[in-house]
PDB file of N, CA and C in Angstrom:
ATOM      1  N   GLY A   1     122.277  64.291 -27.604  1.00  0.00           N
ATOM      2  CA  GLY A   1     122.804  63.270 -28.459  1.00  0.00           C
ATOM      3  C   GLY A   1     122.477  63.538 -29.909  1.00  0.00           C
ATOM      4  N   ARG A   2     123.295  62.997 -30.759  1.00  0.00           N
ATOM      5  CA  ARG A   2     123.081  63.165 -32.200  1.00  0.00           C
ATOM      6  C   ARG A   2     121.708  62.615 -32.577  1.00  0.00           C
ATOM      7  N   GLY A   3     120.909  63.412 -33.225  1.00  0.00           N
ATOM      8  CA  GLY A   3     119.586  62.984 -33.665  1.00  0.00           C
ATOM      9  C   GLY A   3     118.537  62.986 -32.572  1.00  0.00           C
ATOM     10  N   SER A   4     118.856  63.444 -31.383  1.00  0.00           N
ATOM     11  CA  SER A   4     117.900  63.474 -30.282  1.00  0.00           C
ATOM     12  C   SER A   4     117.695  64.902 -29.818  1.00  0.00           C
ATOM     13  N   TRP A   5     116.462  65.312 -29.720  1.00  0.00           N
ATOM     14  CA  TRP A   5     116.152  66.640 -29.199  1.00  0.00           C
ATOM     15  C   TRP A   5     116.043  66.626 -27.683  1.00  0.00           C
ATOM     16  N   LEU A   6     116.172  65.451 -27.063  1.00  0.00           N
ATOM     17  CA  LEU A   6     115.990  65.331 -25.614  1.00  0.00           C
ATOM     18  C   LEU A   6     117.181  65.835 -24.814  1.00  0.00           C
ATOM     19  N   GLY A   7     118.366  65.879 -25.394  1.00  0.00           N
ATOM     20  CA  GLY A   7     119.525  66.325 -24.638  1.00  0.00           C
ATOM     21  C   GLY A   7     119.978  65.279 -23.646  1.00  0.00           C
ATOM     22  N   ALA A   8     120.539  65.746 -22.526  1.00  0.00           N
ATOM     23  CA  ALA A   8     121.063  64.848 -21.504  1.00  0.00           C
ATOM     24  C   ALA A   8     120.450  65.222 -20.162  1.00  0.00           C
ATOM     25  N   SER A   9     120.925  64.612 -19.131  1.00  0.00           N
ATOM     26  CA  SER A   9     120.447  64.910 -17.786  1.00  0.00           C
ATOM     27  C   SER A   9     121.627  64.777 -16.833  1.00  0.00           C
ATOM     28  N   ILE A  10     121.372  64.971 -15.548  1.00  0.00           N
ATOM     29  CA  ILE A  10     122.456  64.805 -14.597  1.00  0.00           C
ATOM     30  C   ILE A  10     122.799  63.333 -14.399  1.00  0.00           C
ATOM     31  N   ALA A  11     121.976  62.426 -14.938  1.00  0.00           N
ATOM     32  CA  ALA A  11     122.216  60.999 -14.754  1.00  0.00           C
ATOM     33  C   ALA A  11     122.800  60.322 -15.976  1.00  0.00           C
ATOM     34  N   ARG A  12     122.659  60.945 -17.137  1.00  0.00           N
ATOM     35  CA  ARG A  12     122.987  60.198 -18.342  1.00  0.00           C
ATOM     36  C   ARG A  12     123.544  61.129 -19.413  1.00  0.00           C
ATOM     37  N   ARG A  13     124.539  60.640 -20.104  1.00  0.00           N
ATOM     38  CA  ARG A  13     125.097  61.346 -21.273  1.00  0.00           C
ATOM     39  C   ARG A  13     124.879  60.459 -22.490  1.00  0.00           C
ATOM     40  N   HIS A  14     124.769  61.078 -23.631  1.00  0.00           N
ATOM     41  CA  HIS A  14     124.638  60.334 -24.873  1.00  0.00           C
ATOM     42  C   HIS A  14     126.039  60.129 -25.451  1.00  0.00           C
ATOM     43  N   GLU A  15     126.381  58.879 -25.720  1.00  0.00           N
ATOM     44  CA  GLU A  15     127.720  58.563 -26.217  1.00  0.00           C
ATOM     45  C   GLU A  15     128.046  59.327 -27.493  1.00  0.00           C
ATOM     46  N   ALA A  16     127.080  59.460 -28.378  1.00  0.00           N
ATOM     47  CA  ALA A  16     127.326  60.130 -29.656  1.00  0.00           C
ATOM     48  C   ALA A  16     127.073  61.632 -29.554  1.00  0.00           C
ATOM     49  N   GLY A  17     126.863  62.111 -28.347  1.00  0.00           N
ATOM     50  CA  GLY A  17     126.552  63.517 -28.159  1.00  0.00           C
ATOM     51  C   GLY A  17     127.782  64.393 -28.118  1.00  0.00           C
ATOM     52  N   ARG A  18     127.545  65.677 -27.901  1.00  0.00           N
ATOM     53  CA  ARG A  18     128.648  66.625 -27.781  1.00  0.00           C
ATOM     54  C   ARG A  18     128.341  67.571 -26.630  1.00  0.00           C
ATOM     55  N   ASP A  19     129.376  68.132 -26.064  1.00  0.00           N
ATOM     56  CA  ASP A  19     129.203  69.101 -24.981  1.00  0.00           C
ATOM     57  C   ASP A  19     128.835  70.456 -25.566  1.00  0.00           C
ATOM     58  N   VAL A  20     127.965  71.147 -24.861  1.00  0.00           N
ATOM     59  CA  VAL A  20     127.558  72.491 -25.256  1.00  0.00           C
ATOM     60  C   VAL A  20     127.714  73.384 -24.032  1.00  0.00           C
ATOM     61  N   ALA A  21     128.455  74.465 -24.178  1.00  0.00           N
ATOM     62  CA  ALA A  21     128.643  75.401 -23.075  1.00  0.00           C
ATOM     63  C   ALA A  21     127.486  76.393 -23.061  1.00  0.00           C
ATOM     64  N   THR A  22     127.038  76.737 -21.868  1.00  0.00           N
ATOM     65  CA  THR A  22     125.962  77.717 -21.731  1.00  0.00           C
ATOM     66  C   THR A  22     126.191  78.523 -20.464  1.00  0.00           C
ATOM     67  N   GLU A  23     125.725  79.735 -20.469  1.00  0.00           N
ATOM     68  CA  GLU A  23     125.835  80.556 -19.272  1.00  0.00           C
ATOM     69  C   GLU A  23     124.782  80.103 -18.267  1.00  0.00           C
ATOM     70  N   ILE A  24     125.145  80.208 -17.008  1.00  0.00           N
ATOM     71  CA  ILE A  24     124.172  79.913 -15.952  1.00  0.00           C
ATOM     72  C   ILE A  24     124.157  81.082 -14.978  1.00  0.00           C
ATOM     73  N   ALA A  25     123.066  81.181 -14.265  1.00  0.00           N
ATOM     74  CA  ALA A  25     122.930  82.208 -13.231  1.00  0.00           C
ATOM     75  C   ALA A  25     122.163  81.591 -12.074  1.00  0.00           C
ATOM     76  N   PRO A  26     122.492  81.955 -10.851  1.00  0.00           N
ATOM     77  CA  PRO A  26     121.743  81.444  -9.703  1.00  0.00           C
ATOM     78  C   PRO A  26     120.265  81.833  -9.807  1.00  0.00           C
ATOM     79  N   VAL A  27     119.389  80.876  -9.543  1.00  0.00           N
ATOM     80  CA  VAL A  27     117.954  81.132  -9.669  1.00  0.00           C
ATOM     81  C   VAL A  27     117.515  82.276  -8.749  1.00  0.00           C
ATOM     82  N   ALA A  28     118.120  82.396  -7.582  1.00  0.00           N
ATOM     83  CA  ALA A  28     117.754  83.491  -6.672  1.00  0.00           C
ATOM     84  C   ALA A  28     118.058  84.850  -7.299  1.00  0.00           C
ATOM     85  N   ASP A  29     119.176  84.945  -8.015  1.00  0.00           N
ATOM     86  CA  ASP A  29     119.516  86.201  -8.692  1.00  0.00           C
ATOM     87  C   ASP A  29     118.501  86.518  -9.786  1.00  0.00           C
ATOM     88  N   LEU A  30     118.102  85.505 -10.540  1.00  0.00           N
ATOM     89  CA  LEU A  30     117.119  85.722 -11.601  1.00  0.00           C
ATOM     90  C   LEU A  30     115.767  86.160 -11.044  1.00  0.00           C
ATOM     91  N   VAL A  31     115.343  85.538  -9.963  1.00  0.00           N
ATOM     92  CA  VAL A  31     114.066  85.915  -9.342  1.00  0.00           C
ATOM     93  C   VAL A  31     114.144  87.344  -8.806  1.00  0.00           C
ATOM     94  N   ASP A  32     115.276  87.724  -8.219  1.00  0.00           N
ATOM     95  CA  ASP A  32     115.454  89.103  -7.749  1.00  0.00           C
ATOM     96  C   ASP A  32     115.395  90.102  -8.901  1.00  0.00           C
ATOM     97  N   GLU A  33     116.034  89.759 -10.011  1.00  0.00           N
ATOM     98  CA  GLU A  33     116.133  90.689 -11.129  1.00  0.00           C
ATOM     99  C   GLU A  33     114.853  90.764 -11.962  1.00  0.00           C
ATOM    100  N   ILE A  34     114.284  89.612 -12.293  1.00  0.00           N
ATOM    101  CA  ILE A  34     113.148  89.559 -13.209  1.00  0.00           C
ATOM    102  C   ILE A  34     111.811  89.694 -12.475  1.00  0.00           C
ATOM    103  N   ARG A  35     111.764  89.238 -11.229  1.00  0.00           N
ATOM    104  CA  ARG A  35     110.565  89.261 -10.395  1.00  0.00           C
ATOM    105  C   ARG A  35     109.379  88.500 -11.001  1.00  0.00           C
ATOM    106  N   PRO A  36     109.600  87.266 -11.393  1.00  0.00           N
ATOM    107  CA  PRO A  36     108.485  86.489 -11.945  1.00  0.00           C
ATOM    108  C   PRO A  36     107.503  86.103 -10.843  1.00  0.00           C
ATOM    109  N   THR A  37     106.293  85.749 -11.229  1.00  0.00           N
ATOM    110  CA  THR A  37     105.324  85.218 -10.271  1.00  0.00           C
ATOM    111  C   THR A  37     105.114  83.728 -10.477  1.00  0.00           C
ATOM    112  N   VAL A  38     105.588  83.214 -11.613  1.00  0.00           N
ATOM    113  CA  VAL A  38     105.462  81.796 -11.944  1.00  0.00           C
ATOM    114  C   VAL A  38     106.835  81.285 -12.370  1.00  0.00           C
ATOM    115  N   LEU A  39     107.208  80.116 -11.853  1.00  0.00           N
ATOM    116  CA  LEU A  39     108.462  79.467 -12.229  1.00  0.00           C
ATOM    117  C   LEU A  39     108.127  78.161 -12.933  1.00  0.00           C
ATOM    118  N   VAL A  40     108.688  77.952 -14.109  1.00  0.00           N
ATOM    119  CA  VAL A  40     108.529  76.702 -14.853  1.00  0.00           C
ATOM    120  C   VAL A  40     109.888  76.018 -14.876  1.00  0.00           C
ATOM    121  N   VAL A  41     109.938  74.778 -14.365  1.00  0.00           N
ATOM    122  CA  VAL A  41     111.202  74.048 -14.259  1.00  0.00           C
ATOM    123  C   VAL A  41     111.098  72.736 -15.042  1.00  0.00           C
ATOM    124  N   ASP A  42     111.905  72.627 -16.071  1.00  0.00           N
ATOM    125  CA  ASP A  42     112.059  71.396 -16.843  1.00  0.00           C
ATOM    126  C   ASP A  42     113.560  71.229 -17.008  1.00  0.00           C
ATOM    127  N   ALA A  43     114.197  70.658 -15.994  1.00  0.00           N
ATOM    128  CA  ALA A  43     115.655  70.711 -15.900  1.00  0.00           C
ATOM    129  C   ALA A  43     116.331  69.342 -15.882  1.00  0.00           C
ATOM    130  N   GLU A  44     115.630  68.300 -16.293  1.00  0.00           N
ATOM    131  CA  GLU A  44     116.229  66.969 -16.454  1.00  0.00           C
ATOM    132  C   GLU A  44     117.008  66.498 -15.229  1.00  0.00           C
ATOM    133  N   GLY A  45     116.444  66.682 -14.051  1.00  0.00           N
ATOM    134  CA  GLY A  45     117.082  66.222 -12.821  1.00  0.00           C
ATOM    135  C   GLY A  45     117.666  67.338 -11.982  1.00  0.00           C
ATOM    136  N   PHE A  46     117.928  68.488 -12.578  1.00  0.00           N
ATOM    137  CA  PHE A  46     118.495  69.607 -11.830  1.00  0.00           C
ATOM    138  C   PHE A  46     117.455  70.338 -10.980  1.00  0.00           C
ATOM    139  N   GLU A  47     116.192  69.890 -11.041  1.00  0.00           N
ATOM    140  CA  GLU A  47     115.192  70.483 -10.148  1.00  0.00           C
ATOM    141  C   GLU A  47     115.599  70.321  -8.693  1.00  0.00           C
ATOM    142  N   SER A  48     116.431  69.307  -8.422  1.00  0.00           N
ATOM    143  CA  SER A  48     116.920  69.093  -7.056  1.00  0.00           C
ATOM    144  C   SER A  48     117.880  70.186  -6.605  1.00  0.00           C
ATOM    145  N   GLU A  49     118.467  70.901  -7.536  1.00  0.00           N
ATOM    146  CA  GLU A  49     119.359  72.019  -7.226  1.00  0.00           C
ATOM    147  C   GLU A  49     118.621  73.353  -7.304  1.00  0.00           C
ATOM    148  N   ILE A  50     117.704  73.470  -8.246  1.00  0.00           N
ATOM    149  CA  ILE A  50     117.024  74.739  -8.504  1.00  0.00           C
ATOM    150  C   ILE A  50     116.001  75.076  -7.428  1.00  0.00           C
ATOM    151  N   LEU A  51     115.101  74.151  -7.114  1.00  0.00           N
ATOM    152  CA  LEU A  51     114.011  74.475  -6.174  1.00  0.00           C
ATOM    153  C   LEU A  51     114.502  74.863  -4.781  1.00  0.00           C
ATOM    154  N   PRO A  52     115.462  74.133  -4.183  1.00  0.00           N
ATOM    155  CA  PRO A  52     115.923  74.549  -2.847  1.00  0.00           C
ATOM    156  C   PRO A  52     116.618  75.911  -2.840  1.00  0.00           C
ATOM    157  N   ALA A  53     117.169  76.329  -3.957  1.00  0.00           N
ATOM    158  CA  ALA A  53     117.894  77.607  -4.032  1.00  0.00           C
ATOM    159  C   ALA A  53     116.989  78.779  -4.422  1.00  0.00           C
ATOM    160  N   CYS A  54     115.749  78.484  -4.748  1.00  0.00           N
ATOM    161  CA  CYS A  54     114.839  79.521  -5.244  1.00  0.00           C
ATOM    162  C   CYS A  54     114.083  80.188  -4.097  1.00  0.00           C
ATOM    163  N   PRO A  55     113.961  81.515  -4.120  1.00  0.00           N
ATOM    164  CA  PRO A  55     113.135  82.208  -3.122  1.00  0.00           C
ATOM    165  C   PRO A  55     111.651  81.996  -3.442  1.00  0.00           C
ATOM    166  N   LEU A  56     111.126  80.850  -3.030  1.00  0.00           N
ATOM    167  CA  LEU A  56     109.774  80.434  -3.382  1.00  0.00           C
ATOM    168  C   LEU A  56     108.700  81.382  -2.850  1.00  0.00           C
ATOM    169  N   GLU A  57     109.000  82.102  -1.785  1.00  0.00           N
ATOM    170  CA  GLU A  57     108.000  83.001  -1.191  1.00  0.00           C
ATOM    171  C   GLU A  57     107.580  84.117  -2.140  1.00  0.00           C
ATOM    172  N   ARG A  58     108.353  84.347  -3.174  1.00  0.00           N
ATOM    173  CA  ARG A  58     108.040  85.412  -4.140  1.00  0.00           C
ATOM    174  C   ARG A  58     107.158  84.928  -5.285  1.00  0.00           C
ATOM    175  N   LEU A  59     106.867  83.638  -5.328  1.00  0.00           N
ATOM    176  CA  LEU A  59     106.125  83.059  -6.439  1.00  0.00           C
ATOM    177  C   LEU A  59     104.695  82.723  -6.037  1.00  0.00           C
ATOM    178  N   ARG A  60     103.798  82.765  -7.017  1.00  0.00           N
ATOM    179  CA  ARG A  60     102.414  82.347  -6.772  1.00  0.00           C
ATOM    180  C   ARG A  60     102.142  80.960  -7.348  1.00  0.00           C
ATOM    181  N   ALA A  61     103.024  80.506  -8.270  1.00  0.00           N
ATOM    182  CA  ALA A  61     102.848  79.190  -8.874  1.00  0.00           C
ATOM    183  C   ALA A  61     104.190  78.631  -9.332  1.00  0.00           C
ATOM    184  N   VAL A  62     104.279  77.298  -9.274  1.00  0.00           N
ATOM    185  CA  VAL A  62     105.458  76.579  -9.762  1.00  0.00           C
ATOM    186  C   VAL A  62     104.948  75.421 -10.609  1.00  0.00           C
ATOM    187  N   ILE A  63     105.459  75.326 -11.812  1.00  0.00           N
ATOM    188  CA  ILE A  63     105.171  74.189 -12.682  1.00  0.00           C
ATOM    189  C   ILE A  63     106.493  73.464 -12.836  1.00  0.00           C
ATOM    190  N   VAL A  64     106.507  72.218 -12.410  1.00  0.00           N
ATOM    191  CA  VAL A  64     107.795  71.504 -12.379  1.00  0.00           C
ATOM    192  C   VAL A  64     107.634  70.087 -12.894  1.00  0.00           C
ATOM    193  N   GLU A  65     108.626  69.656 -13.674  1.00  0.00           N
ATOM    194  CA  GLU A  65     108.704  68.284 -14.142  1.00  0.00           C
ATOM    195  C   GLU A  65     109.700  67.566 -13.236  1.00  0.00           C
ATOM    196  N   PHE A  66     109.202  66.593 -12.468  1.00  0.00           N
ATOM    197  CA  PHE A  66     110.053  65.815 -11.567  1.00  0.00           C
ATOM    198  C   PHE A  66     110.558  64.564 -12.294  1.00  0.00           C
ATOM    199  N   HIS A  67     111.833  64.240 -12.079  1.00  0.00           N
ATOM    200  CA  HIS A  67     112.452  63.070 -12.697  1.00  0.00           C
ATOM    201  C   HIS A  67     112.885  62.084 -11.612  1.00  0.00           C
ATOM    202  N   GLU A  68     112.247  60.916 -11.584  1.00  0.00           N
ATOM    203  CA  GLU A  68     112.660  59.904 -10.611  1.00  0.00           C
ATOM    204  C   GLU A  68     114.045  59.365 -10.918  1.00  0.00           C
ATOM    205  N   GLU A  69     114.450  59.393 -12.180  1.00  0.00           N
ATOM    206  CA  GLU A  69     115.824  59.070 -12.520  1.00  0.00           C
ATOM    207  C   GLU A  69     116.498  60.397 -12.838  1.00  0.00           C
ATOM    208  N   PRO A  70     117.387  60.859 -12.101  1.00  0.00           N
ATOM    209  CA  PRO A  70     118.254  60.222 -11.123  1.00  0.00           C
ATOM    210  C   PRO A  70     117.880  60.490  -9.670  1.00  0.00           C
ATOM    211  N   LEU A  71     116.797  61.236  -9.411  1.00  0.00           N
ATOM    212  CA  LEU A  71     116.510  61.673  -8.046  1.00  0.00           C
ATOM    213  C   LEU A  71     116.008  60.561  -7.139  1.00  0.00           C
ATOM    214  N   GLY A  72     115.377  59.556  -7.700  1.00  0.00           N
ATOM    215  CA  GLY A  72     114.764  58.515  -6.907  1.00  0.00           C
ATOM    216  C   GLY A  72     113.453  59.006  -6.316  1.00  0.00           C
ATOM    217  N   ALA A  73     112.624  58.067  -5.891  1.00  0.00           N
ATOM    218  CA  ALA A  73     111.325  58.419  -5.324  1.00  0.00           C
ATOM    219  C   ALA A  73     111.483  59.298  -4.084  1.00  0.00           C
ATOM    220  N   SER A  74     112.502  59.037  -3.281  1.00  0.00           N
ATOM    221  CA  SER A  74     112.699  59.835  -2.060  1.00  0.00           C
ATOM    222  C   SER A  74     113.133  61.265  -2.399  1.00  0.00           C
ATOM    223  N   GLY A  75     113.918  61.446  -3.449  1.00  0.00           N
ATOM    224  CA  GLY A  75     114.327  62.781  -3.873  1.00  0.00           C
ATOM    225  C   GLY A  75     113.146  63.598  -4.375  1.00  0.00           C
ATOM    226  N   VAL A  76     112.285  62.961  -5.147  1.00  0.00           N
ATOM    227  CA  VAL A  76     111.076  63.639  -5.637  1.00  0.00           C
ATOM    228  C   VAL A  76     110.161  63.973  -4.461  1.00  0.00           C
ATOM    229  N   ALA A  77     110.011  63.040  -3.530  1.00  0.00           N
ATOM    230  CA  ALA A  77     109.172  63.284  -2.344  1.00  0.00           C
ATOM    231  C   ALA A  77     109.703  64.464  -1.531  1.00  0.00           C
ATOM    232  N   ALA A  78     111.019  64.577  -1.426  1.00  0.00           N
ATOM    233  CA  ALA A  78     111.616  65.701  -0.680  1.00  0.00           C
ATOM    234  C   ALA A  78     111.307  67.033  -1.359  1.00  0.00           C
ATOM    235  N   LEU A  79     111.342  67.072  -2.686  1.00  0.00           N
ATOM    236  CA  LEU A  79     111.023  68.313  -3.399  1.00  0.00           C
ATOM    237  C   LEU A  79     109.540  68.656  -3.269  1.00  0.00           C
ATOM    238  N   ARG A  80     108.683  67.658  -3.313  1.00  0.00           N
ATOM    239  CA  ARG A  80     107.244  67.886  -3.112  1.00  0.00           C
ATOM    240  C   ARG A  80     107.003  68.440  -1.704  1.00  0.00           C
ATOM    241  N   ASP A  81     107.711  67.884  -0.736  1.00  0.00           N
ATOM    242  CA  ASP A  81     107.598  68.361   0.646  1.00  0.00           C
ATOM    243  C   ASP A  81     108.087  69.804   0.767  1.00  0.00           C
ATOM    244  N   LEU A  82     109.176  70.127   0.086  1.00  0.00           N
ATOM    245  CA  LEU A  82     109.700  71.495   0.079  1.00  0.00           C
ATOM    246  C   LEU A  82     108.639  72.473  -0.418  1.00  0.00           C
ATOM    247  N   LEU A  83     107.978  72.128  -1.518  1.00  0.00           N
ATOM    248  CA  LEU A  83     106.935  73.004  -2.055  1.00  0.00           C
ATOM    249  C   LEU A  83     105.750  73.119  -1.102  1.00  0.00           C
ATOM    250  N   SER A  84     105.360  72.022  -0.491  1.00  0.00           N
ATOM    251  CA  SER A  84     104.256  72.049   0.485  1.00  0.00           C
ATOM    252  C   SER A  84     104.593  72.933   1.678  1.00  0.00           C
ATOM    253  N   ARG A  85     105.800  72.782   2.213  1.00  0.00           N
ATOM    254  CA  ARG A  85     106.213  73.602   3.360  1.00  0.00           C
ATOM    255  C   ARG A  85     106.329  75.075   2.999  1.00  0.00           C
ATOM    256  N   ALA A  86     106.537  75.382   1.708  1.00  0.00           N
ATOM    257  CA  ALA A  86     106.628  76.767   1.252  1.00  0.00           C
ATOM    258  C   ALA A  86     105.243  77.369   0.993  1.00  0.00           C
ATOM    259  N   GLY A  87     104.179  76.601   1.262  1.00  0.00           N
ATOM    260  CA  GLY A  87     102.827  77.124   1.124  1.00  0.00           C
ATOM    261  C   GLY A  87     102.139  76.826  -0.196  1.00  0.00           C
ATOM    262  N   PHE A  88     102.652  75.849  -0.952  1.00  0.00           N
ATOM    263  CA  PHE A  88     102.048  75.492  -2.226  1.00  0.00           C
ATOM    264  C   PHE A  88     101.225  74.214  -2.093  1.00  0.00           C
ATOM    265  N   SER A  89     100.170  74.130  -2.890  1.00  0.00           N
ATOM    266  CA  SER A  89      99.363  72.912  -2.993  1.00  0.00           C
ATOM    267  C   SER A  89      99.415  72.428  -4.427  1.00  0.00           C
ATOM    268  N   GLU A  90      99.595  71.120  -4.579  1.00  0.00           N
ATOM    269  CA  GLU A  90      99.645  70.568  -5.931  1.00  0.00           C
ATOM    270  C   GLU A  90      98.231  70.419  -6.474  1.00  0.00           C
ATOM    271  N   LYS A  91      98.087  70.714  -7.744  1.00  0.00           N
ATOM    272  CA  LYS A  91      96.820  70.558  -8.437  1.00  0.00           C
ATOM    273  C   LYS A  91      96.952  69.353  -9.368  1.00  0.00           C
ATOM    274  N   PRO A  92      96.672  68.149  -8.847  1.00  0.00           N
ATOM    275  CA  PRO A  92      96.933  66.936  -9.626  1.00  0.00           C
ATOM    276  C   PRO A  92      96.146  66.866 -10.933  1.00  0.00           C
ATOM    277  N   ALA A  93      94.997  67.483 -10.997  1.00  0.00           N
ATOM    278  CA  ALA A  93      94.208  67.423 -12.225  1.00  0.00           C
ATOM    279  C   ALA A  93      94.933  68.085 -13.390  1.00  0.00           C
ATOM    280  N   TYR A  94      95.867  68.982 -13.088  1.00  0.00           N
ATOM    281  CA  TYR A  94      96.612  69.664 -14.137  1.00  0.00           C
ATOM    282  C   TYR A  94      97.876  68.917 -14.529  1.00  0.00           C
ATOM    283  N   GLY A  95      98.309  67.989 -13.703  1.00  0.00           N
ATOM    284  CA  GLY A  95      99.594  67.338 -13.927  1.00  0.00           C
ATOM    285  C   GLY A  95      99.503  66.132 -14.838  1.00  0.00           C
ATOM    286  N   GLU A  96     100.661  65.582 -15.127  1.00  0.00           N
ATOM    287  CA  GLU A  96     100.767  64.430 -16.016  1.00  0.00           C
ATOM    288  C   GLU A  96     101.904  63.569 -15.492  1.00  0.00           C
ATOM    289  N   ALA A  97     101.711  62.255 -15.485  1.00  0.00           N
ATOM    290  CA  ALA A  97     102.760  61.369 -14.990  1.00  0.00           C
ATOM    291  C   ALA A  97     102.978  60.222 -15.958  1.00  0.00           C
ATOM    292  N   GLY A  98     104.187  59.695 -15.974  1.00  0.00           N
ATOM    293  CA  GLY A  98     104.477  58.524 -16.782  1.00  0.00           C
ATOM    294  C   GLY A  98     105.959  58.305 -16.930  1.00  0.00           C
ATOM    295  N   ASN A  99     106.359  57.044 -16.946  1.00  0.00           N
ATOM    296  CA  ASN A  99     107.755  56.658 -17.168  1.00  0.00           C
ATOM    297  C   ASN A  99     108.735  57.344 -16.224  1.00  0.00           C
ATOM    298  N   GLY A 100     108.372  57.487 -14.954  1.00  0.00           N
ATOM    299  CA  GLY A 100     109.284  58.080 -13.976  1.00  0.00           C
ATOM    300  C   GLY A 100     109.392  59.587 -14.052  1.00  0.00           C
ATOM    301  N   VAL A 101     108.542  60.219 -14.861  1.00  0.00           N
ATOM    302  CA  VAL A 101     108.524  61.675 -14.994  1.00  0.00           C
ATOM    303  C   VAL A 101     107.115  62.143 -14.696  1.00  0.00           C
ATOM    304  N   ALA A 102     106.998  63.162 -13.843  1.00  0.00           N
ATOM    305  CA  ALA A 102     105.684  63.711 -13.514  1.00  0.00           C
ATOM    306  C   ALA A 102     105.747  65.228 -13.546  1.00  0.00           C
ATOM    307  N   THR A 103     104.821  65.830 -14.279  1.00  0.00           N
ATOM    308  CA  THR A 103     104.723  67.275 -14.331  1.00  0.00           C
ATOM    309  C   THR A 103     103.589  67.695 -13.418  1.00  0.00           C
ATOM    310  N   GLY A 104     103.870  68.619 -12.517  1.00  0.00           N
ATOM    311  CA  GLY A 104     102.856  69.079 -11.583  1.00  0.00           C
ATOM    312  C   GLY A 104     102.738  70.586 -11.571  1.00  0.00           C
ATOM    313  N   VAL A 105     101.538  71.040 -11.292  1.00  0.00           N
ATOM    314  CA  VAL A 105     101.257  72.459 -11.125  1.00  0.00           C
ATOM    315  C   VAL A 105     101.021  72.687  -9.636  1.00  0.00           C
ATOM    316  N   TRP A 106     101.793  73.585  -9.067  1.00  0.00           N
ATOM    317  CA  TRP A 106     101.708  73.902  -7.649  1.00  0.00           C
ATOM    318  C   TRP A 106     101.302  75.366  -7.505  1.00  0.00           C
ATOM    319  N   LEU A 107     100.225  75.618  -6.775  1.00  0.00           N
ATOM    320  CA  LEU A 107      99.760  76.980  -6.544  1.00  0.00           C
ATOM    321  C   LEU A 107      99.903  77.327  -5.081  1.00  0.00           C
ATOM    322  N   ARG A 108     100.248  78.585  -4.824  1.00  0.00           N
ATOM    323  CA  ARG A 108     100.283  79.053  -3.451  1.00  0.00           C
ATOM    324  C   ARG A 108      98.881  78.856  -2.899  1.00  0.00           C
ATOM    325  N   GLU A 109      98.766  78.396  -1.668  1.00  0.00           N
ATOM    326  CA  GLU A 109      97.466  78.008  -1.111  1.00  0.00           C
ATOM    327  C   GLU A 109      96.429  79.117  -1.215  1.00  0.00           C
ATOM    328  N   ASP A 110      96.813  80.389  -1.031  1.00  0.00           N
ATOM    329  CA  ASP A 110      95.843  81.468  -1.146  1.00  0.00           C
ATOM    330  C   ASP A 110      95.401  81.658  -2.594  1.00  0.00           C
ATOM    331  N   GLU A 111      96.229  81.288  -3.570  1.00  0.00           N
ATOM    332  CA  GLU A 111      95.874  81.367  -4.990  1.00  0.00           C
ATOM    333  C   GLU A 111      94.990  80.189  -5.380  1.00  0.00           C
ATOM    334  N   ALA A 112      95.222  79.031  -4.738  1.00  0.00           N
ATOM    335  CA  ALA A 112      94.502  77.815  -5.097  1.00  0.00           C
ATOM    336  C   ALA A 112      93.015  77.935  -4.824  1.00  0.00           C
ATOM    337  N   SER A 113      92.631  78.710  -3.834  1.00  0.00           N
ATOM    338  CA  SER A 113      91.225  78.847  -3.499  1.00  0.00           C
ATOM    339  C   SER A 113      90.539  79.965  -4.284  1.00  0.00           C
ATOM    340  N   ALA A 114      91.333  80.775  -4.997  1.00  0.00           N
ATOM    341  CA  ALA A 114      90.750  81.903  -5.759  1.00  0.00           C
ATOM    342  C   ALA A 114      90.140  81.441  -7.053  1.00  0.00           C
TER     343      ALA A 114
END
């Protein structure tokens, strides 16, 4: 939106804003090509699309900002469950929560004990 550095999300557009075109690539392709060990996701609600499509087994850590709007508490819980089932443990002492947004640090369980 005009005068806002926050941009938009999958739930909300700014009336005074403008559309911006950008290239996108499937997260699985990026992980294959770049081979990162850490994924940082700040996607304004698109974490619901990115995390399930990501080859999480190749990562040692995920830092993600969860948005209850538009995902809802059940959507955020499903993503947390996805990370847990993929072998990650959340480190709540590193995270931050407020106003329906929570940033969490998730480490692969073998990394969490190191």
